Amino acid sequence: MKIPRYLIDSSVLIGNLRGQEIARQLLYEMANNICFVSVLTRLELLIGLRRRMGKETLELLRVFPSLDVDRDITDLAGRYGRQYRNTHARKTLDLMIAATARIHGLTLVTINARDFPMPGLTLYSVPTP
């Protein structure tokens, strides 16, 4: 049996650090799977690092191997950016994270599914209340 492989979006990790139940639920559901983060998700968390949560943030990041960005990911993110130029799904980091999931054949775990309408991208999300 093939174990599913996932890319965890920053929305889930940040939500978990902030104590959001939906984020904790998503991470709990991922516990027995192979999970990664993009180096860009790592960057987002390190930029937002708060002194009082620094140790917890770094420990959380140690759990997930980071996937680097390469030319194929950048090129696909560029195509996504042109396609979704005038929509909500136009943030550069989100485009890169979506492309990372797609290139690596990973399911993207996110709280913000509307940020990722890209064709061929598989999402795992819990509806927000």
Foldseek 3Di string as FASTA:
>chain_A
DDFAEAEEALQLVVCVLVPNPQSVVLVVVCVPGQYAYEVLSVVVCVVVQDPVCNVVSVVVNVVHHYDYQDDQLVVQLVVVLVVQVPHLQNDSSSSSRQSVCQVVVHEYEHACCVNHPDPPHHYDYDDDD
